[in-house]
Amino acid sequence: MVAIRIEFDGDEQYERLKKLKKHRGLRWKGLLLEGEKKVREDTPE
C-alpha cells in the first residue's frame, strides 16, 4: 500500500473539498480518482 500526503493551500480549499467529498459519499481516494476521470475526459490525447 502506498500512502500520500496532500497539502492544501489553506483552510478554505480544504473545507471546500471535504464538503464535496462528503456530499458525493466518497473517501479521499475516491475523490482523487473522480478527479482523474474528469481530467481524462476533458483532455484530448
N, C-alpha and C. Protein backbone atom coordinates (compact mmCIF):
# COMPACT_ATOMS: atom_id res chain seq x y z
N MET A 1 0.84 -1.17 0.00
CA MET A 1 0.00 0.00 0.00
C MET A 1 0.89 1.24 0.00
N VAL A 2 0.49 2.21 -0.76
CA VAL A 2 1.20 3.48 -0.85
C VAL A 2 0.38 4.54 -0.12
N ALA A 3 1.04 5.36 0.65
CA ALA A 3 0.37 6.46 1.35
C ALA A 3 0.78 7.78 0.71
N ILE A 4 -0.17 8.69 0.64
CA ILE A 4 0.08 10.00 0.04
C ILE A 4 -0.31 11.08 1.04
N ARG A 5 0.46 12.13 1.08
CA ARG A 5 0.13 13.28 1.93
C ARG A 5 -0.24 14.43 1.00
N ILE A 6 -1.38 15.03 1.25
CA ILE A 6 -1.86 16.14 0.43
C ILE A 6 -1.77 17.42 1.24
N GLU A 7 -1.16 18.44 0.68
CA GLU A 7 -1.09 19.74 1.32
C GLU A 7 -2.04 20.69 0.60
N PHE A 8 -2.91 21.33 1.35
CA PHE A 8 -3.86 22.26 0.79
C PHE A 8 -3.32 23.68 0.91
N ASP A 9 -3.80 24.57 0.04
CA ASP A 9 -3.34 25.96 0.06
C ASP A 9 -3.88 26.73 1.26
N GLY A 10 -4.90 26.19 1.89
CA GLY A 10 -5.46 26.86 3.07
C GLY A 10 -6.70 26.14 3.55
N ASP A 11 -7.24 26.63 4.66
CA ASP A 11 -8.42 26.01 5.25
C ASP A 11 -9.63 26.06 4.32
N GLU A 12 -9.77 27.15 3.58
CA GLU A 12 -10.92 27.29 2.67
C GLU A 12 -10.91 26.20 1.60
N GLN A 13 -9.76 25.95 1.01
CA GLN A 13 -9.64 24.91 -0.01
C GLN A 13 -9.92 23.54 0.59
N TYR A 14 -9.37 23.28 1.76
CA TYR A 14 -9.59 22.01 2.43
C TYR A 14 -11.08 21.80 2.73
N GLU A 15 -11.72 22.81 3.29
CA GLU A 15 -13.14 22.69 3.65
C GLU A 15 -14.01 22.49 2.41
N ARG A 16 -13.69 23.19 1.32
CA ARG A 16 -14.45 23.04 0.07
C ARG A 16 -14.37 21.61 -0.46
N LEU A 17 -13.17 21.04 -0.46
CA LEU A 17 -13.01 19.67 -0.96
C LEU A 17 -13.59 18.65 0.00
N LYS A 18 -13.47 18.90 1.29
CA LYS A 18 -14.04 17.99 2.28
C LYS A 18 -15.57 17.96 2.14
N LYS A 19 -16.18 19.12 1.91
CA LYS A 19 -17.63 19.20 1.72
C LYS A 19 -18.06 18.44 0.46
N LEU A 20 -17.31 18.60 -0.62
CA LEU A 20 -17.61 17.88 -1.86
C LEU A 20 -17.47 16.38 -1.66
N LYS A 21 -16.41 15.98 -0.98
CA LYS A 21 -16.18 14.56 -0.69
C LYS A 21 -17.34 13.96 0.08
N LYS A 22 -17.78 14.66 1.10
CA LYS A 22 -18.88 14.18 1.93
C LYS A 22 -20.19 14.14 1.14
N HIS A 23 -20.43 15.18 0.33
CA HIS A 23 -21.65 15.25 -0.48
C HIS A 23 -21.75 14.09 -1.46
N ARG A 24 -20.61 13.71 -2.03
CA ARG A 24 -20.57 12.62 -3.01
C ARG A 24 -20.48 11.24 -2.35
N GLY A 25 -20.30 11.20 -1.04
CA GLY A 25 -20.20 9.93 -0.32
C GLY A 25 -18.89 9.20 -0.60
N LEU A 26 -17.82 9.96 -0.75
CA LEU A 26 -16.53 9.40 -1.10
C LEU A 26 -15.54 9.51 0.05
N ARG A 27 -14.46 8.78 -0.08
CA ARG A 27 -13.29 8.97 0.77
C ARG A 27 -12.31 9.79 -0.05
N TRP A 28 -11.19 10.17 0.54
CA TRP A 28 -10.23 10.99 -0.20
C TRP A 28 -9.74 10.27 -1.46
N LYS A 29 -9.53 8.98 -1.39
CA LYS A 29 -9.07 8.22 -2.56
C LYS A 29 -10.11 8.30 -3.67
N GLY A 30 -11.38 8.14 -3.31
CA GLY A 30 -12.45 8.21 -4.30
C GLY A 30 -12.54 9.57 -4.96
N LEU A 31 -12.37 10.63 -4.17
CA LEU A 31 -12.40 11.98 -4.72
C LEU A 31 -11.25 12.18 -5.70
N LEU A 32 -10.08 11.69 -5.36
CA LEU A 32 -8.93 11.80 -6.24
C LEU A 32 -9.16 11.04 -7.55
N LEU A 33 -9.72 9.84 -7.46
CA LEU A 33 -9.98 9.04 -8.67
C LEU A 33 -11.07 9.68 -9.53
N GLU A 34 -12.08 10.29 -8.91
CA GLU A 34 -13.10 11.01 -9.68
C GLU A 34 -12.48 12.20 -10.42
N GLY A 35 -11.55 12.87 -9.76
CA GLY A 35 -10.85 13.98 -10.40
C GLY A 35 -10.03 13.51 -11.59
N GLU A 36 -9.36 12.38 -11.43
CA GLU A 36 -8.58 11.82 -12.55
C GLU A 36 -9.49 11.51 -13.73
N LYS A 37 -10.64 10.91 -13.45
CA LYS A 37 -11.59 10.56 -14.50
C LYS A 37 -12.03 11.81 -15.28
N LYS A 38 -12.33 12.89 -14.55
CA LYS A 38 -12.76 14.13 -15.19
C LYS A 38 -11.65 14.73 -16.04
N VAL A 39 -10.43 14.72 -15.53
CA VAL A 39 -9.30 15.27 -16.30
C VAL A 39 -9.12 14.47 -17.59
N ARG A 40 -9.21 13.15 -17.51
CA ARG A 40 -9.04 12.31 -18.71
C ARG A 40 -10.15 12.58 -19.72
N GLU A 41 -11.37 12.81 -19.26
CA GLU A 41 -12.49 13.12 -20.16
C GLU A 41 -12.29 14.46 -20.85
N ASP A 42 -11.72 15.42 -20.14
CA ASP A 42 -11.57 16.79 -20.66
C ASP A 42 -10.29 17.02 -21.45
N THR A 43 -9.38 16.05 -21.43
CA THR A 43 -8.07 16.22 -22.08
C THR A 43 -7.96 15.31 -23.30
N PRO A 44 -7.92 15.90 -24.49
CA PRO A 44 -7.75 15.05 -25.69
C PRO A 44 -6.36 14.43 -25.71
N GLU A 45 -6.27 13.23 -26.26
CA GLU A 45 -4.98 12.55 -26.31
C GLU A 45 -4.18 12.94 -27.48
